[in-house]
PDB file of N, CA and C in Angstrom:
ATOM      1  N   MET A   1     116.443  53.182  78.807  1.00  0.00           N
ATOM      2  CA  MET A   1     116.687  54.535  78.370  1.00  0.00           C
ATOM      3  C   MET A   1     116.924  55.386  79.614  1.00  0.00           C
ATOM      4  N   VAL A   2     117.974  56.170  79.562  1.00  0.00           N
ATOM      5  CA  VAL A   2     118.293  57.104  80.635  1.00  0.00           C
ATOM      6  C   VAL A   2     118.368  58.500  80.035  1.00  0.00           C
ATOM      7  N   ILE A   3     117.700  59.430  80.662  1.00  0.00           N
ATOM      8  CA  ILE A   3     117.716  60.833  80.232  1.00  0.00           C
ATOM      9  C   ILE A   3     118.306  61.648  81.375  1.00  0.00           C
ATOM     10  N   VAL A   4     119.312  62.457  81.053  1.00  0.00           N
ATOM     11  CA  VAL A   4     119.907  63.343  82.049  1.00  0.00           C
ATOM     12  C   VAL A   4     119.599  64.776  81.641  1.00  0.00           C
ATOM     13  N   GLU A   5     118.988  65.496  82.549  1.00  0.00           N
ATOM     14  CA  GLU A   5     118.603  66.891  82.287  1.00  0.00           C
ATOM     15  C   GLU A   5     118.976  67.729  83.499  1.00  0.00           C
ATOM     16  N   ARG A   6     119.713  68.785  83.275  1.00  0.00           N
ATOM     17  CA  ARG A   6     120.167  69.648  84.367  1.00  0.00           C
ATOM     18  C   ARG A   6     119.034  70.509  84.921  1.00  0.00           C
ATOM     19  N   ASN A   7     118.165  71.009  84.062  1.00  0.00           N
ATOM     20  CA  ASN A   7     117.110  71.922  84.468  1.00  0.00           C
ATOM     21  C   ASN A   7     115.952  71.149  85.104  1.00  0.00           C
ATOM     22  N   ARG A   8     115.626  71.499  86.337  1.00  0.00           N
ATOM     23  CA  ARG A   8     114.585  70.780  87.086  1.00  0.00           C
ATOM     24  C   ARG A   8     113.228  70.840  86.392  1.00  0.00           C
ATOM     25  N   ARG A   9     112.847  72.036  85.902  1.00  0.00           N
ATOM     26  CA  ARG A   9     111.547  72.162  85.220  1.00  0.00           C
ATOM     27  C   ARG A   9     111.511  71.326  83.950  1.00  0.00           C
ATOM     28  N   ALA A  10     112.594  71.342  83.198  1.00  0.00           N
ATOM     29  CA  ALA A  10     112.652  70.543  81.970  1.00  0.00           C
ATOM     30  C   ALA A  10     112.580  69.050  82.295  1.00  0.00           C
ATOM     31  N   ALA A  11     113.246  68.626  83.358  1.00  0.00           N
ATOM     32  CA  ALA A  11     113.207  67.214  83.759  1.00  0.00           C
ATOM     33  C   ALA A  11     111.781  66.794  84.113  1.00  0.00           C
ATOM     34  N   LYS A  12     111.059  67.665  84.800  1.00  0.00           N
ATOM     35  CA  LYS A  12     109.656  67.368  85.141  1.00  0.00           C
ATOM     36  C   LYS A  12     108.793  67.292  83.878  1.00  0.00           C
ATOM     37  N   GLN A  13     109.048  68.157  82.906  1.00  0.00           N
ATOM     38  CA  GLN A  13     108.296  68.123  81.653  1.00  0.00           C
ATOM     39  C   GLN A  13     108.592  66.839  80.884  1.00  0.00           C
ATOM     40  N   ILE A  14     109.843  66.430  80.877  1.00  0.00           N
ATOM     41  CA  ILE A  14     110.215  65.174  80.226  1.00  0.00           C
ATOM     42  C   ILE A  14     109.481  64.013  80.893  1.00  0.00           C
ATOM     43  N   GLU A  15     109.406  64.042  82.208  1.00  0.00           N
ATOM     44  CA  GLU A  15     108.700  62.994  82.950  1.00  0.00           C
ATOM     45  C   GLU A  15     107.218  62.950  82.559  1.00  0.00           C
ATOM     46  N   ARG A  16     106.589  64.132  82.457  1.00  0.00           N
ATOM     47  CA  ARG A  16     105.168  64.182  82.058  1.00  0.00           C
ATOM     48  C   ARG A  16     104.976  63.657  80.632  1.00  0.00           C
ATOM     49  N   CYS A  17     105.857  64.051  79.738  1.00  0.00           N
ATOM     50  CA  CYS A  17     105.762  63.590  78.343  1.00  0.00           C
ATOM     51  C   CYS A  17     105.954  62.078  78.247  1.00  0.00           C
ATOM     52  N   ALA A  18     106.918  61.560  78.988  1.00  0.00           N
ATOM     53  CA  ALA A  18     107.170  60.117  78.974  1.00  0.00           C
ATOM     54  C   ALA A  18     105.945  59.360  79.472  1.00  0.00           C
ATOM     55  N   LYS A  19     105.333  59.872  80.523  1.00  0.00           N
ATOM     56  CA  LYS A  19     104.126  59.227  81.056  1.00  0.00           C
ATOM     57  C   LYS A  19     103.011  59.237  80.019  1.00  0.00           C
ATOM     58  N   ALA A  20     102.822  60.368  79.340  1.00  0.00           N
ATOM     59  CA  ALA A  20     101.787  60.472  78.312  1.00  0.00           C
ATOM     60  C   ALA A  20     102.048  59.517  77.152  1.00  0.00           C
ATOM     61  N   LEU A  21     103.321  59.267  76.865  1.00  0.00           N
ATOM     62  CA  LEU A  21     103.699  58.350  75.784  1.00  0.00           C
ATOM     63  C   LEU A  21     103.767  56.897  76.238  1.00  0.00           C
ATOM     64  N   GLU A  22     103.518  56.684  77.525  1.00  0.00           N
ATOM     65  CA  GLU A  22     103.559  55.351  78.123  1.00  0.00           C
ATOM     66  C   GLU A  22     104.926  54.690  77.977  1.00  0.00           C
ATOM     67  N   VAL A  23     105.977  55.488  78.191  1.00  0.00           N
ATOM     68  CA  VAL A  23     107.338  54.962  78.260  1.00  0.00           C
ATOM     69  C   VAL A  23     107.875  55.291  79.650  1.00  0.00           C
ATOM     70  N   ALA A  24     108.846  54.529  80.084  1.00  0.00           N
ATOM     71  CA  ALA A  24     109.343  54.697  81.447  1.00  0.00           C
ATOM     72  C   ALA A  24     110.866  54.829  81.472  1.00  0.00           C
ATOM     73  N   PRO A  25     111.398  55.949  80.977  1.00  0.00           N
ATOM     74  CA  PRO A  25     112.839  56.129  81.064  1.00  0.00           C
ATOM     75  C   PRO A  25     113.255  56.437  82.501  1.00  0.00           C
ATOM     76  N   THR A  26     114.511  56.198  82.778  1.00  0.00           N
ATOM     77  CA  THR A  26     115.084  56.685  84.026  1.00  0.00           C
ATOM     78  C   THR A  26     115.473  58.134  83.770  1.00  0.00           C
ATOM     79  N   ILE A  27     114.956  59.039  84.566  1.00  0.00           N
ATOM     80  CA  ILE A  27     115.247  60.465  84.397  1.00  0.00           C
ATOM     81  C   ILE A  27     116.120  60.909  85.561  1.00  0.00           C
ATOM     82  N   VAL A  28     117.301  61.383  85.229  1.00  0.00           N
ATOM     83  CA  VAL A  28     118.253  61.860  86.231  1.00  0.00           C
ATOM     84  C   VAL A  28     118.314  63.375  86.118  1.00  0.00           C
ATOM     85  N   GLN A  29     118.002  64.054  87.207  1.00  0.00           N
ATOM     86  CA  GLN A  29     118.067  65.508  87.202  1.00  0.00           C
ATOM     87  C   GLN A  29     119.430  65.901  87.752  1.00  0.00           C
ATOM     88  N   GLY A  30     120.290  66.443  86.873  1.00  0.00           N
ATOM     89  CA  GLY A  30     121.630  66.842  87.282  1.00  0.00           C
ATOM     90  C   GLY A  30     122.493  67.129  86.072  1.00  0.00           C
ATOM     91  N   ASP A  31     123.736  67.437  86.322  1.00  0.00           N
ATOM     92  CA  ASP A  31     124.703  67.724  85.267  1.00  0.00           C
ATOM     93  C   ASP A  31     125.249  66.406  84.735  1.00  0.00           C
ATOM     94  N   VAL A  32     125.141  66.182  83.438  1.00  0.00           N
ATOM     95  CA  VAL A  32     125.527  64.896  82.854  1.00  0.00           C
ATOM     96  C   VAL A  32     127.002  64.578  83.101  1.00  0.00           C
ATOM     97  N   LEU A  33     127.861  65.576  83.109  1.00  0.00           N
ATOM     98  CA  LEU A  33     129.280  65.295  83.322  1.00  0.00           C
ATOM     99  C   LEU A  33     129.571  64.906  84.772  1.00  0.00           C
ATOM    100  N   ARG A  34     128.726  65.289  85.683  1.00  0.00           N
ATOM    101  CA  ARG A  34     128.872  64.843  87.083  1.00  0.00           C
ATOM    102  C   ARG A  34     128.233  63.473  87.291  1.00  0.00           C
ATOM    103  N   GLU A  35     127.217  63.153  86.527  1.00  0.00           N
ATOM    104  CA  GLU A  35     126.462  61.910  86.698  1.00  0.00           C
ATOM    105  C   GLU A  35     127.001  60.747  85.865  1.00  0.00           C
ATOM    106  N   VAL A  36     127.753  61.032  84.814  1.00  0.00           N
ATOM    107  CA  VAL A  36     128.109  60.016  83.827  1.00  0.00           C
ATOM    108  C   VAL A  36     128.819  58.805  84.433  1.00  0.00           C
ATOM    109  N   SER A  37     129.663  58.991  85.400  1.00  0.00           N
ATOM    110  CA  SER A  37     130.407  57.859  85.969  1.00  0.00           C
ATOM    111  C   SER A  37     129.498  56.888  86.716  1.00  0.00           C
ATOM    112  N   ARG A  38     128.328  57.330  87.130  1.00  0.00           N
ATOM    113  CA  ARG A  38     127.385  56.468  87.849  1.00  0.00           C
ATOM    114  C   ARG A  38     126.383  55.771  86.929  1.00  0.00           C
ATOM    115  N   LEU A  39     126.353  56.168  85.671  1.00  0.00           N
ATOM    116  CA  LEU A  39     125.290  55.699  84.776  1.00  0.00           C
ATOM    117  C   LEU A  39     125.619  54.422  84.020  1.00  0.00           C
ATOM    118  N   GLY A  40     126.879  54.087  83.875  1.00  0.00           N
ATOM    119  CA  GLY A  40     127.249  52.896  83.116  1.00  0.00           C
ATOM    120  C   GLY A  40     127.535  53.230  81.667  1.00  0.00           C
ATOM    121  N   ARG A  41     127.527  52.181  80.827  1.00  0.00           N
ATOM    122  CA  ARG A  41     127.818  52.353  79.405  1.00  0.00           C
ATOM    123  C   ARG A  41     126.550  52.079  78.602  1.00  0.00           C
ATOM    124  N   PHE A  42     126.469  52.744  77.441  1.00  0.00           N
ATOM    125  CA  PHE A  42     125.278  52.645  76.604  1.00  0.00           C
ATOM    126  C   PHE A  42     125.683  52.395  75.165  1.00  0.00           C
ATOM    127  N   ASP A  43     124.872  51.643  74.442  1.00  0.00           N
ATOM    128  CA  ASP A  43     125.134  51.402  73.023  1.00  0.00           C
ATOM    129  C   ASP A  43     125.070  52.707  72.242  1.00  0.00           C
ATOM    130  N   VAL A  44     124.090  53.541  72.564  1.00  0.00           N
ATOM    131  CA  VAL A  44     123.910  54.815  71.869  1.00  0.00           C
ATOM    132  C   VAL A  44     123.788  55.924  72.917  1.00  0.00           C
ATOM    133  N   VAL A  45     124.578  56.978  72.733  1.00  0.00           N
ATOM    134  CA  VAL A  45     124.505  58.155  73.588  1.00  0.00           C
ATOM    135  C   VAL A  45     124.162  59.333  72.684  1.00  0.00           C
ATOM    136  N   LEU A  46     123.080  60.038  73.017  1.00  0.00           N
ATOM    137  CA  LEU A  46     122.681  61.235  72.279  1.00  0.00           C
ATOM    138  C   LEU A  46     122.996  62.441  73.153  1.00  0.00           C
ATOM    139  N   ALA A  47     123.757  63.376  72.621  1.00  0.00           N
ATOM    140  CA  ALA A  47     124.127  64.574  73.374  1.00  0.00           C
ATOM    141  C   ALA A  47     123.614  65.806  72.647  1.00  0.00           C
ATOM    142  N   ASP A  48     122.799  66.570  73.332  1.00  0.00           N
ATOM    143  CA  ASP A  48     122.237  67.807  72.796  1.00  0.00           C
ATOM    144  C   ASP A  48     122.490  68.911  73.812  1.00  0.00           C
ATOM    145  N   PRO A  49     123.767  69.301  73.969  1.00  0.00           N
ATOM    146  CA  PRO A  49     124.078  70.302  74.986  1.00  0.00           C
ATOM    147  C   PRO A  49     123.563  71.680  74.574  1.00  0.00           C
ATOM    148  N   PRO A  50     123.384  72.563  75.556  1.00  0.00           N
ATOM    149  CA  PRO A  50     123.016  73.946  75.205  1.00  0.00           C
ATOM    150  C   PRO A  50     124.053  74.523  74.241  1.00  0.00           C
ATOM    151  N   TYR A  51     123.611  75.167  73.202  1.00  0.00           N
ATOM    152  CA  TYR A  51     124.509  75.647  72.150  1.00  0.00           C
ATOM    153  C   TYR A  51     125.646  76.545  72.632  1.00  0.00           C
ATOM    154  N   PRO A  52     125.459  77.394  73.654  1.00  0.00           N
ATOM    155  CA  PRO A  52     126.597  78.235  74.052  1.00  0.00           C
ATOM    156  C   PRO A  52     127.768  77.456  74.662  1.00  0.00           C
ATOM    157  N   LEU A  53     127.528  76.235  75.117  1.00  0.00           N
ATOM    158  CA  LEU A  53     128.604  75.466  75.740  1.00  0.00           C
ATOM    159  C   LEU A  53     129.573  74.927  74.694  1.00  0.00           C
ATOM    160  N   ALA A  54     130.845  74.864  75.056  1.00  0.00           N
ATOM    161  CA  ALA A  54     131.851  74.255  74.188  1.00  0.00           C
ATOM    162  C   ALA A  54     131.611  72.749  74.167  1.00  0.00           C
ATOM    163  N   PRO A  55     131.468  72.142  72.980  1.00  0.00           N
ATOM    164  CA  PRO A  55     131.116  70.726  72.927  1.00  0.00           C
ATOM    165  C   PRO A  55     132.275  69.767  73.208  1.00  0.00           C
ATOM    166  N   ALA A  56     133.522  70.172  72.988  1.00  0.00           N
ATOM    167  CA  ALA A  56     134.652  69.246  73.153  1.00  0.00           C
ATOM    168  C   ALA A  56     134.728  68.641  74.561  1.00  0.00           C
ATOM    169  N   PRO A  57     134.604  69.418  75.633  1.00  0.00           N
ATOM    170  CA  PRO A  57     134.644  68.811  76.968  1.00  0.00           C
ATOM    171  C   PRO A  57     133.468  67.873  77.228  1.00  0.00           C
ATOM    172  N   ILE A  58     132.347  68.147  76.610  1.00  0.00           N
ATOM    173  CA  ILE A  58     131.173  67.285  76.791  1.00  0.00           C
ATOM    174  C   ILE A  58     131.413  65.943  76.105  1.00  0.00           C
ATOM    175  N   VAL A  59     131.904  65.978  74.876  1.00  0.00           N
ATOM    176  CA  VAL A  59     132.205  64.731  74.159  1.00  0.00           C
ATOM    177  C   VAL A  59     133.261  63.936  74.922  1.00  0.00           C
ATOM    178  N   ALA A  60     134.311  64.607  75.369  1.00  0.00           N
ATOM    179  CA  ALA A  60     135.371  63.923  76.121  1.00  0.00           C
ATOM    180  C   ALA A  60     134.820  63.321  77.410  1.00  0.00           C
ATOM    181  N   GLY A  61     133.960  64.064  78.097  1.00  0.00           N
ATOM    182  CA  GLY A  61     133.391  63.582  79.347  1.00  0.00           C
ATOM    183  C   GLY A  61     132.433  62.432  79.180  1.00  0.00           C
ATOM    184  N   LEU A  62     131.755  62.364  78.040  1.00  0.00           N
ATOM    185  CA  LEU A  62     130.799  61.281  77.787  1.00  0.00           C
ATOM    186  C   LEU A  62     131.443  60.033  77.192  1.00  0.00           C
ATOM    187  N   ALA A  63     132.674  60.135  76.725  1.00  0.00           N
ATOM    188  CA  ALA A  63     133.331  59.015  76.041  1.00  0.00           C
ATOM    189  C   ALA A  63     133.317  57.738  76.870  1.00  0.00           C
ATOM    190  N   CYS A  64     133.447  57.842  78.179  1.00  0.00           N
ATOM    191  CA  CYS A  64     133.471  56.655  79.033  1.00  0.00           C
ATOM    192  C   CYS A  64     132.136  55.912  79.046  1.00  0.00           C
ATOM    193  N   ALA A  65     131.056  56.577  78.654  1.00  0.00           N
ATOM    194  CA  ALA A  65     129.726  55.960  78.648  1.00  0.00           C
ATOM    195  C   ALA A  65     129.364  55.349  77.301  1.00  0.00           C
ATOM    196  N   VAL A  66     130.217  55.541  76.279  1.00  0.00           N
ATOM    197  CA  VAL A  66     129.897  55.113  74.920  1.00  0.00           C
ATOM    198  C   VAL A  66     130.425  53.702  74.659  1.00  0.00           C
ATOM    199  N   ALA A  67     129.505  52.746  74.533  1.00  0.00           N
ATOM    200  CA  ALA A  67     129.891  51.387  74.170  1.00  0.00           C
ATOM    201  C   ALA A  67     129.995  51.250  72.658  1.00  0.00           C
ATOM    202  N   GLU A  68     129.158  51.976  71.911  1.00  0.00           N
ATOM    203  CA  GLU A  68     129.177  51.893  70.453  1.00  0.00           C
ATOM    204  C   GLU A  68     129.255  53.257  69.790  1.00  0.00           C
ATOM    205  N   ILE A  69     128.184  54.082  69.902  1.00  0.00           N
ATOM    206  CA  ILE A  69     128.216  55.373  69.206  1.00  0.00           C
ATOM    207  C   ILE A  69     127.721  56.515  70.090  1.00  0.00           C
ATOM    208  N   LEU A  70     128.193  57.694  69.772  1.00  0.00           N
ATOM    209  CA  LEU A  70     127.730  58.942  70.373  1.00  0.00           C
ATOM    210  C   LEU A  70     127.300  59.848  69.235  1.00  0.00           C
ATOM    211  N   VAL A  71     126.137  60.459  69.368  1.00  0.00           N
ATOM    212  CA  VAL A  71     125.656  61.431  68.393  1.00  0.00           C
ATOM    213  C   VAL A  71     125.586  62.778  69.108  1.00  0.00           C
ATOM    214  N   LEU A  72     126.318  63.746  68.569  1.00  0.00           N
ATOM    215  CA  LEU A  72     126.360  65.093  69.134  1.00  0.00           C
ATOM    216  C   LEU A  72     125.605  66.044  68.231  1.00  0.00           C
ATOM    217  N   GLU A  73     124.687  66.801  68.817  1.00  0.00           N
ATOM    218  CA  GLU A  73     124.005  67.866  68.082  1.00  0.00           C
ATOM    219  C   GLU A  73     124.632  69.185  68.490  1.00  0.00           C
ATOM    220  N   GLN A  74     124.912  70.030  67.482  1.00  0.00           N
ATOM    221  CA  GLN A  74     125.471  71.359  67.759  1.00  0.00           C
ATOM    222  C   GLN A  74     125.173  72.277  66.594  1.00  0.00           C
ATOM    223  N   PRO A  75     125.461  73.576  66.725  1.00  0.00           N
ATOM    224  CA  PRO A  75     125.232  74.498  65.610  1.00  0.00           C
ATOM    225  C   PRO A  75     126.057  74.099  64.390  1.00  0.00           C
ATOM    226  N   ALA A  76     125.476  74.267  63.224  1.00  0.00           N
ATOM    227  CA  ALA A  76     126.140  73.872  61.980  1.00  0.00           C
ATOM    228  C   ALA A  76     127.362  74.720  61.671  1.00  0.00           C
ATOM    229  N   ASP A  77     127.457  75.902  62.265  1.00  0.00           N
ATOM    230  CA  ASP A  77     128.603  76.760  61.953  1.00  0.00           C
ATOM    231  C   ASP A  77     129.856  76.398  62.762  1.00  0.00           C
ATOM    232  N   ARG A  78     129.789  75.360  63.564  1.00  0.00           N
ATOM    233  CA  ARG A  78     130.950  74.859  64.305  1.00  0.00           C
ATOM    234  C   ARG A  78     131.390  73.537  63.699  1.00  0.00           C
ATOM    235  N   GLY A  79     132.679  73.325  63.635  1.00  0.00           N
ATOM    236  CA  GLY A  79     133.178  72.031  63.185  1.00  0.00           C
ATOM    237  C   GLY A  79     133.043  71.004  64.291  1.00  0.00           C
ATOM    238  N   PRO A  80     133.156  69.730  63.951  1.00  0.00           N
ATOM    239  CA  PRO A  80     133.046  68.689  64.980  1.00  0.00           C
ATOM    240  C   PRO A  80     134.233  68.747  65.934  1.00  0.00           C
ATOM    241  N   PRO A  81     133.991  68.616  67.209  1.00  0.00           N
ATOM    242  CA  PRO A  81     135.097  68.630  68.154  1.00  0.00           C
ATOM    243  C   PRO A  81     135.940  67.362  68.030  1.00  0.00           C
ATOM    244  N   VAL A  82     137.218  67.492  68.295  1.00  0.00           N
ATOM    245  CA  VAL A  82     138.112  66.337  68.313  1.00  0.00           C
ATOM    246  C   VAL A  82     137.837  65.560  69.583  1.00  0.00           C
ATOM    247  N   ALA A  83     137.767  64.258  69.441  1.00  0.00           N
ATOM    248  CA  ALA A  83     137.508  63.387  70.590  1.00  0.00           C
ATOM    249  C   ALA A  83     138.573  62.291  70.590  1.00  0.00           C
ATOM    250  N   ASP A  84     139.540  62.418  71.470  1.00  0.00           N
ATOM    251  CA  ASP A  84     140.648  61.457  71.497  1.00  0.00           C
ATOM    252  C   ASP A  84     140.189  60.023  71.705  1.00  0.00           C
ATOM    253  N   ALA A  85     139.183  59.814  72.541  1.00  0.00           N
ATOM    254  CA  ALA A  85     138.743  58.460  72.865  1.00  0.00           C
ATOM    255  C   ALA A  85     137.710  57.910  71.890  1.00  0.00           C
ATOM    256  N   LEU A  86     137.228  58.735  70.966  1.00  0.00           N
ATOM    257  CA  LEU A  86     136.211  58.324  70.005  1.00  0.00           C
ATOM    258  C   LEU A  86     136.655  58.716  68.608  1.00  0.00           C
ATOM    259  N   LYS A  87     136.121  58.019  67.607  1.00  0.00           N
ATOM    260  CA  LYS A  87     136.458  58.332  66.216  1.00  0.00           C
ATOM    261  C   LYS A  87     135.246  58.949  65.526  1.00  0.00           C
ATOM    262  N   LEU A  88     135.438  60.125  64.935  1.00  0.00           N
ATOM    263  CA  LEU A  88     134.372  60.758  64.160  1.00  0.00           C
ATOM    264  C   LEU A  88     134.156  59.938  62.895  1.00  0.00           C
ATOM    265  N   VAL A  89     132.932  59.456  62.679  1.00  0.00           N
ATOM    266  CA  VAL A  89     132.657  58.615  61.510  1.00  0.00           C
ATOM    267  C   VAL A  89     131.700  59.253  60.512  1.00  0.00           C
ATOM    268  N   LYS A  90     130.951  60.262  60.947  1.00  0.00           N
ATOM    269  CA  LYS A  90     129.985  60.868  60.029  1.00  0.00           C
ATOM    270  C   LYS A  90     129.531  62.204  60.584  1.00  0.00           C
ATOM    271  N   SER A  91     129.319  63.162  59.704  1.00  0.00           N
ATOM    272  CA  SER A  91     128.715  64.442  60.064  1.00  0.00           C
ATOM    273  C   SER A  91     127.663  64.786  59.020  1.00  0.00           C
ATOM    274  N   ARG A  92     126.551  65.315  59.477  1.00  0.00           N
ATOM    275  CA  ARG A  92     125.485  65.752  58.586  1.00  0.00           C
ATOM    276  C   ARG A  92     124.961  67.089  59.082  1.00  0.00           C
ATOM    277  N   THR A  93     124.583  67.945  58.139  1.00  0.00           N
ATOM    278  CA  THR A  93     124.031  69.244  58.474  1.00  0.00           C
ATOM    279  C   THR A  93     122.589  69.310  58.005  1.00  0.00           C
ATOM    280  N   TYR A  94     121.730  69.816  58.883  1.00  0.00           N
ATOM    281  CA  TYR A  94     120.313  69.992  58.602  1.00  0.00           C
ATOM    282  C   TYR A  94     119.965  71.431  58.976  1.00  0.00           C
ATOM    283  N   GLY A  95     119.952  72.321  57.981  1.00  0.00           N
ATOM    284  CA  GLY A  95     119.705  73.735  58.263  1.00  0.00           C
ATOM    285  C   GLY A  95     120.811  74.283  59.149  1.00  0.00           C
ATOM    286  N   GLY A  96     120.444  74.823  60.296  1.00  0.00           N
ATOM    287  CA  GLY A  96     121.412  75.393  61.220  1.00  0.00           C
ATOM    288  C   GLY A  96     121.954  74.420  62.248  1.00  0.00           C
ATOM    289  N   THR A  97     121.622  73.130  62.082  1.00  0.00           N
ATOM    290  CA  THR A  97     122.029  72.113  63.051  1.00  0.00           C
ATOM    291  C   THR A  97     122.926  71.077  62.394  1.00  0.00           C
ATOM    292  N   ALA A  98     123.962  70.673  63.122  1.00  0.00           N
ATOM    293  CA  ALA A  98     124.848  69.598  62.661  1.00  0.00           C
ATOM    294  C   ALA A  98     124.751  68.424  63.627  1.00  0.00           C
ATOM    295  N   LEU A  99     124.806  67.229  63.061  1.00  0.00           N
ATOM    296  CA  LEU A  99     124.896  66.002  63.849  1.00  0.00           C
ATOM    297  C   LEU A  99     126.225  65.351  63.532  1.00  0.00           C
ATOM    298  N   HIS A 100     126.982  65.028  64.571  1.00  0.00           N
ATOM    299  CA  HIS A 100     128.277  64.362  64.414  1.00  0.00           C
ATOM    300  C   HIS A 100     128.177  63.009  65.097  1.00  0.00           C
ATOM    301  N   VAL A 101     128.553  61.965  64.390  1.00  0.00           N
ATOM    302  CA  VAL A 101     128.478  60.612  64.915  1.00  0.00           C
ATOM    303  C   VAL A 101     129.892  60.123  65.190  1.00  0.00           C
ATOM    304  N   TYR A 102     130.126  59.693  66.412  1.00  0.00           N
ATOM    305  CA  TYR A 102     131.415  59.175  66.845  1.00  0.00           C
ATOM    306  C   TYR A 102     131.253  57.697  67.204  1.00  0.00           C
ATOM    307  N   ALA A 103     132.284  56.907  66.929  1.00  0.00           N
ATOM    308  CA  ALA A 103     132.274  55.490  67.285  1.00  0.00           C
ATOM    309  C   ALA A 103     133.310  55.229  68.374  1.00  0.00           C
ATOM    310  N   ALA A 104     132.994  54.298  69.239  1.00  0.00           N
ATOM    311  CA  ALA A 104     133.926  53.862  70.265  1.00  0.00           C
ATOM    312  C   ALA A 104     135.046  53.057  69.583  1.00  0.00           C
ATOM    313  N   PRO A 105     136.209  52.970  70.203  1.00  0.00           N
ATOM    314  CA  PRO A 105     137.292  52.170  69.617  1.00  0.00           C
ATOM    315  C   PRO A 105     136.827  50.742  69.354  1.00  0.00           C
ATOM    316  N   GLY A 106     137.184  50.237  68.191  1.00  0.00           N
ATOM    317  CA  GLY A 106     136.807  48.874  67.834  1.00  0.00           C
ATOM    318  C   GLY A 106     135.468  48.741  67.162  1.00  0.00           C
ATOM    319  N   GLU A 107     134.700  49.791  67.124  1.00  0.00           N
ATOM    320  CA  GLU A 107     133.387  49.754  66.453  1.00  0.00           C
ATOM    321  C   GLU A 107     133.558  50.118  64.991  1.00  0.00           C
ATOM    322  N   ALA A 108     133.147  49.234  64.110  1.00  0.00           N
ATOM    323  CA  ALA A 108     133.217  49.503  62.669  1.00  0.00           C
ATOM    324  C   ALA A 108     131.900  50.116  62.234  1.00  0.00           C
ATOM    325  N   ARG A 109     131.902  51.391  61.977  1.00  0.00           N
ATOM    326  CA  ARG A 109     130.669  52.084  61.573  1.00  0.00           C
ATOM    327  C   ARG A 109     130.898  52.748  60.239  1.00  0.00           C
TER     328      ARG A 109
END
């Protein structure tokens, strides 16, 4: 498990929580779009960007790290961003939050 968090204080809190839960993720403190090329590919990528940010560039930037699926969380009042390198396969709304699930090319989901 790799967690990328831009905010230094939040990254430290994640580290404390992980220790309390007795899990040992790799925690990278930095901007995910700057770090993504160094991280490799993952079966599942969860993206929960700050709501004011436009999600389309984030999805596009993370596409290279997606081996199977990407799950994007964003405000429910926004439609799912188009992702040329990924296929939108499912969207669900929970109150004011939407989850959009994208599959990598060749993944049957």
